[in-house]
Amino acid sequence: MNISLKASNLHAGLILNSYQRWTGKPLLDEAVEPGTESDTLFRAPIVLLTHGTETDPILNYGNQMALDLWETNWEIFTQTPSRLTAEPMEREERAAFLKAVKENGYVDHYTGIRISGTGRRFYIMQATVWNLMDDNDVFHGQAAAFRQYRYIE
């Protein structure tokens, strides 16, 4: 599938710009050439995912590392309520955490337990979670990125 169908450069730019806005640093170590934002993020060496603004937010983006970690494909991933990435016992804590992110803009160094599409459990470590805000301060959802994770046996 053509990567440009997976995320528009507009959404990719929103991810990159919002991260820079909240943290004061670029999301990726390498520079992103204009017009290649979508391809660059999809192939980036980090796990990256976003969800929208629905009452029960739906995942609307996952790069290749996210799809691999959650052991699923694009079509299923982008129809999944974000809350289902956490185990039932973790969901209340996750909801409170995401509320804090919404109020504060971003949170760094988050660690939590998640569950893949096949039921495999893993810790995400040192994650940054941030609000997706455009240049007009319109809220478009939230994003998360991390490099470290560990499977729970």
C-alpha atoms as a PDB file:
ATOM      1  CA  MET A   1       0.000   0.000   0.000  1.00  0.00           C
ATOM      2  CA  ASN A   2       1.216   3.484  -0.815  1.00  0.00           C
ATOM      3  CA  ILE A   3       2.444   5.134   2.382  1.00  0.00           C
ATOM      4  CA  SER A   4       0.853   8.437   1.365  1.00  0.00           C
ATOM      5  CA  LEU A   5      -2.512   6.736   1.827  1.00  0.00           C
ATOM      6  CA  LYS A   6      -1.560   5.875   5.395  1.00  0.00           C
ATOM      7  CA  ALA A   7      -1.121   9.437   6.593  1.00  0.00           C
ATOM      8  CA  SER A   8      -1.222  12.664   4.732  1.00  0.00           C
ATOM      9  CA  ASN A   9       1.692  15.032   4.915  1.00  0.00           C
ATOM     10  CA  LEU A  10      -0.789  17.394   6.606  1.00  0.00           C
ATOM     11  CA  HIS A  11      -1.369  14.974   9.523  1.00  0.00           C
ATOM     12  CA  ALA A  12       2.329  14.140   9.653  1.00  0.00           C
ATOM     13  CA  GLY A  13       3.126  17.858   9.793  1.00  0.00           C
ATOM     14  CA  LEU A  14       0.612  18.266  12.623  1.00  0.00           C
ATOM     15  CA  ILE A  15       2.381  15.493  14.553  1.00  0.00           C
ATOM     16  CA  LEU A  16       5.840  16.982  13.992  1.00  0.00           C
ATOM     17  CA  ASN A  17       4.851  20.598  14.633  1.00  0.00           C
ATOM     18  CA  SER A  18       2.821  19.810  17.745  1.00  0.00           C
ATOM     19  CA  TYR A  19       5.701  17.831  19.247  1.00  0.00           C
ATOM     20  CA  GLN A  20       8.113  20.711  18.570  1.00  0.00           C
ATOM     21  CA  ARG A  21       5.619  23.195  20.003  1.00  0.00           C
ATOM     22  CA  TRP A  22       5.159  21.355  23.311  1.00  0.00           C
ATOM     23  CA  THR A  23       8.639  19.973  23.914  1.00  0.00           C
ATOM     24  CA  GLY A  24      10.812  22.574  22.211  1.00  0.00           C
ATOM     25  CA  LYS A  25      12.711  19.877  20.290  1.00  0.00           C
ATOM     26  CA  PRO A  26      12.230  17.917  17.073  1.00  0.00           C
ATOM     27  CA  LEU A  27      10.551  14.513  17.205  1.00  0.00           C
ATOM     28  CA  LEU A  28      13.087  12.878  14.902  1.00  0.00           C
ATOM     29  CA  ASP A  29      16.854  13.000  15.003  1.00  0.00           C
ATOM     30  CA  GLU A  30      17.108  13.608  11.257  1.00  0.00           C
ATOM     31  CA  ALA A  31      15.723  16.568   9.360  1.00  0.00           C
ATOM     32  CA  VAL A  32      12.473  15.964   7.505  1.00  0.00           C
ATOM     33  CA  GLU A  33      12.424  17.200   3.929  1.00  0.00           C
ATOM     34  CA  PRO A  34       9.249  19.119   3.024  1.00  0.00           C
ATOM     35  CA  GLY A  35       6.825  16.867   1.171  1.00  0.00           C
ATOM     36  CA  THR A  36       8.223  13.677   2.732  1.00  0.00           C
ATOM     37  CA  GLU A  37       6.733  14.018   6.223  1.00  0.00           C
ATOM     38  CA  SER A  38       4.328  11.095   5.849  1.00  0.00           C
ATOM     39  CA  ASP A  39       6.903   8.653   4.464  1.00  0.00           C
ATOM     40  CA  THR A  40       9.548   9.744   6.973  1.00  0.00           C
ATOM     41  CA  LEU A  41       7.265   9.256   9.992  1.00  0.00           C
ATOM     42  CA  PHE A  42       5.942   5.935   8.745  1.00  0.00           C
ATOM     43  CA  ARG A  43       9.485   4.559   8.495  1.00  0.00           C
ATOM     44  CA  ALA A  44      10.897   6.334  11.580  1.00  0.00           C
ATOM     45  CA  PRO A  45      12.830   4.267  14.145  1.00  0.00           C
ATOM     46  CA  ILE A  46      10.322   5.095  16.900  1.00  0.00           C
ATOM     47  CA  VAL A  47       6.875   3.788  17.776  1.00  0.00           C
ATOM     48  CA  LEU A  48       4.387   6.519  16.882  1.00  0.00           C
ATOM     49  CA  LEU A  49       0.599   6.550  17.097  1.00  0.00           C
ATOM     50  CA  THR A  50      -2.217   9.083  17.285  1.00  0.00           C
ATOM     51  CA  HIS A  51      -5.905   9.155  18.087  1.00  0.00           C
ATOM     52  CA  GLY A  52      -8.656  11.614  17.248  1.00  0.00           C
ATOM     53  CA  THR A  53     -11.119  13.664  19.239  1.00  0.00           C
ATOM     54  CA  GLU A  54     -14.087  11.312  19.372  1.00  0.00           C
ATOM     55  CA  THR A  55     -15.816  10.776  22.737  1.00  0.00           C
ATOM     56  CA  ASP A  56     -14.177   7.333  22.699  1.00  0.00           C
ATOM     57  CA  PRO A  57     -11.071   8.278  20.668  1.00  0.00           C
ATOM     58  CA  ILE A  58     -10.200   6.065  17.703  1.00  0.00           C
ATOM     59  CA  LEU A  59      -6.618   5.452  16.626  1.00  0.00           C
ATOM     60  CA  ASN A  60      -6.098   7.312  13.365  1.00  0.00           C
ATOM     61  CA  TYR A  61      -2.388   6.754  12.766  1.00  0.00           C
ATOM     62  CA  GLY A  62       0.300   4.218  13.539  1.00  0.00           C
ATOM     63  CA  ASN A  63       3.672   4.028  11.860  1.00  0.00           C
ATOM     64  CA  GLN A  64       5.246   0.729  10.825  1.00  0.00           C
ATOM     65  CA  MET A  65       6.854   0.188  14.240  1.00  0.00           C
ATOM     66  CA  ALA A  66       3.468   0.728  15.947  1.00  0.00           C
ATOM     67  CA  LEU A  67       1.721  -1.680  13.597  1.00  0.00           C
ATOM     68  CA  ASP A  68       4.420  -4.279  14.230  1.00  0.00           C
ATOM     69  CA  LEU A  69       4.342  -3.827  18.011  1.00  0.00           C
ATOM     70  CA  TRP A  70       0.550  -4.052  18.171  1.00  0.00           C
ATOM     71  CA  GLU A  71       0.685  -7.011  15.777  1.00  0.00           C
ATOM     72  CA  THR A  72      -1.975  -5.676  13.458  1.00  0.00           C
ATOM     73  CA  ASN A  73      -2.478  -3.976  10.110  1.00  0.00           C
ATOM     74  CA  TRP A  74      -3.363  -0.411   9.155  1.00  0.00           C
ATOM     75  CA  GLU A  75      -7.048  -1.112   8.513  1.00  0.00           C
ATOM     76  CA  ILE A  76      -7.672  -2.740  11.892  1.00  0.00           C
ATOM     77  CA  PHE A  77      -5.391  -0.365  13.831  1.00  0.00           C
ATOM     78  CA  THR A  78      -7.151   2.753  12.521  1.00  0.00           C
ATOM     79  CA  GLN A  79     -10.561   1.433  13.544  1.00  0.00           C
ATOM     80  CA  THR A  80      -9.510   0.583  17.097  1.00  0.00           C
ATOM     81  CA  PRO A  81     -10.664   2.663  20.059  1.00  0.00           C
ATOM     82  CA  SER A  82      -7.493   3.949  21.691  1.00  0.00           C
ATOM     83  CA  ARG A  83      -8.571   2.648  25.110  1.00  0.00           C
ATOM     84  CA  LEU A  84      -8.389  -0.928  23.808  1.00  0.00           C
ATOM     85  CA  THR A  85      -4.606  -0.671  23.526  1.00  0.00           C
ATOM     86  CA  ALA A  86      -4.527  -0.942  27.326  1.00  0.00           C
ATOM     87  CA  GLU A  87      -5.698  -3.854  29.448  1.00  0.00           C
ATOM     88  CA  PRO A  88      -9.045  -3.347  31.198  1.00  0.00           C
ATOM     89  CA  MET A  89      -7.408  -2.828  34.598  1.00  0.00           C
ATOM     90  CA  GLU A  90      -5.125  -0.141  33.115  1.00  0.00           C
ATOM     91  CA  ARG A  91      -7.839   1.831  31.311  1.00  0.00           C
ATOM     92  CA  GLU A  92      -8.992   4.016  34.204  1.00  0.00           C
ATOM     93  CA  GLU A  93      -5.405   5.048  34.962  1.00  0.00           C
ATOM     94  CA  ARG A  94      -4.812   5.662  31.239  1.00  0.00           C
ATOM     95  CA  ALA A  95      -7.922   7.862  30.992  1.00  0.00           C
ATOM     96  CA  ALA A  96      -6.770  10.017  33.923  1.00  0.00           C
ATOM     97  CA  PHE A  97      -3.314  10.279  32.393  1.00  0.00           C
ATOM     98  CA  LEU A  98      -4.682  11.404  29.006  1.00  0.00           C
ATOM     99  CA  LYS A  99      -6.801  14.036  30.767  1.00  0.00           C
ATOM    100  CA  ALA A 100      -3.617  15.407  32.363  1.00  0.00           C
ATOM    101  CA  VAL A 101      -1.934  15.489  28.944  1.00  0.00           C
ATOM    102  CA  LYS A 102      -4.879  17.397  27.495  1.00  0.00           C
ATOM    103  CA  GLU A 103      -4.689  19.956  30.294  1.00  0.00           C
ATOM    104  CA  ASN A 104      -0.873  20.330  30.297  1.00  0.00           C
ATOM    105  CA  GLY A 105      -0.001  19.923  26.612  1.00  0.00           C
ATOM    106  CA  TYR A 106       2.343  16.981  26.985  1.00  0.00           C
ATOM    107  CA  VAL A 107       3.872  14.525  29.415  1.00  0.00           C
ATOM    108  CA  ASP A 108       7.321  12.977  29.133  1.00  0.00           C
ATOM    109  CA  HIS A 109       8.703   9.713  30.515  1.00  0.00           C
ATOM    110  CA  TYR A 110       5.387   7.839  30.656  1.00  0.00           C
ATOM    111  CA  THR A 111       5.515   4.094  31.335  1.00  0.00           C
ATOM    112  CA  GLY A 112       2.511   1.801  31.104  1.00  0.00           C
ATOM    113  CA  ILE A 113       1.315  -1.655  30.148  1.00  0.00           C
ATOM    114  CA  ARG A 114      -0.255  -2.162  26.744  1.00  0.00           C
ATOM    115  CA  ILE A 115      -1.664  -5.138  24.888  1.00  0.00           C
ATOM    116  CA  SER A 116      -1.253  -6.070  21.232  1.00  0.00           C
ATOM    117  CA  GLY A 117      -3.944  -7.204  18.841  1.00  0.00           C
ATOM    118  CA  THR A 118      -3.009 -10.820  19.584  1.00  0.00           C
ATOM    119  CA  GLY A 119      -3.081 -10.316  23.373  1.00  0.00           C
ATOM    120  CA  ARG A 120       0.671  -9.975  23.903  1.00  0.00           C
ATOM    121  CA  ARG A 121       1.411  -7.682  26.852  1.00  0.00           C
ATOM    122  CA  PHE A 122       4.264  -5.183  26.908  1.00  0.00           C
ATOM    123  CA  TYR A 123       5.561  -2.179  28.818  1.00  0.00           C
ATOM    124  CA  ILE A 124       6.015   1.041  26.943  1.00  0.00           C
ATOM    125  CA  MET A 125       8.813   3.039  28.543  1.00  0.00           C
ATOM    126  CA  GLN A 126       9.886   6.659  28.416  1.00  0.00           C
ATOM    127  CA  ALA A 127       6.963   7.612  26.169  1.00  0.00           C
ATOM    128  CA  THR A 128       6.084  11.177  25.344  1.00  0.00           C
ATOM    129  CA  VAL A 129       2.385  11.881  24.905  1.00  0.00           C
ATOM    130  CA  TRP A 130       1.275  15.236  23.515  1.00  0.00           C
ATOM    131  CA  ASN A 131      -1.711  17.163  22.220  1.00  0.00           C
ATOM    132  CA  LEU A 132      -2.068  17.613  18.484  1.00  0.00           C
ATOM    133  CA  MET A 133      -2.767  21.327  18.024  1.00  0.00           C
ATOM    134  CA  ASP A 134      -2.773  23.227  14.749  1.00  0.00           C
ATOM    135  CA  ASP A 135      -1.583  26.793  14.179  1.00  0.00           C
ATOM    136  CA  ASN A 136      -5.046  28.082  15.169  1.00  0.00           C
ATOM    137  CA  ASP A 137      -4.935  26.216  18.499  1.00  0.00           C
ATOM    138  CA  VAL A 138      -7.553  23.717  17.351  1.00  0.00           C
ATOM    139  CA  PHE A 139      -7.240  20.407  19.212  1.00  0.00           C
ATOM    140  CA  HIS A 140      -6.993  17.401  16.853  1.00  0.00           C
ATOM    141  CA  GLY A 141      -6.320  14.598  19.346  1.00  0.00           C
ATOM    142  CA  GLN A 142      -3.217  13.183  20.973  1.00  0.00           C
ATOM    143  CA  ALA A 143      -0.038  11.435  19.899  1.00  0.00           C
ATOM    144  CA  ALA A 144       2.421   9.129  21.633  1.00  0.00           C
ATOM    145  CA  ALA A 145       5.971   8.203  20.723  1.00  0.00           C
ATOM    146  CA  PHE A 146       8.533   5.957  22.361  1.00  0.00           C
ATOM    147  CA  ARG A 147      11.613   3.962  21.495  1.00  0.00           C
ATOM    148  CA  GLN A 148      11.688   1.531  24.386  1.00  0.00           C
ATOM    149  CA  TYR A 149       9.335  -1.319  25.152  1.00  0.00           C
ATOM    150  CA  ARG A 150       9.651  -4.668  26.845  1.00  0.00           C
ATOM    151  CA  TYR A 151       7.461  -7.722  26.457  1.00  0.00           C
ATOM    152  CA  ILE A 152       5.918  -9.179  29.595  1.00  0.00           C
ATOM    153  CA  GLU A 153       6.295 -12.942  29.682  1.00  0.00           C
END
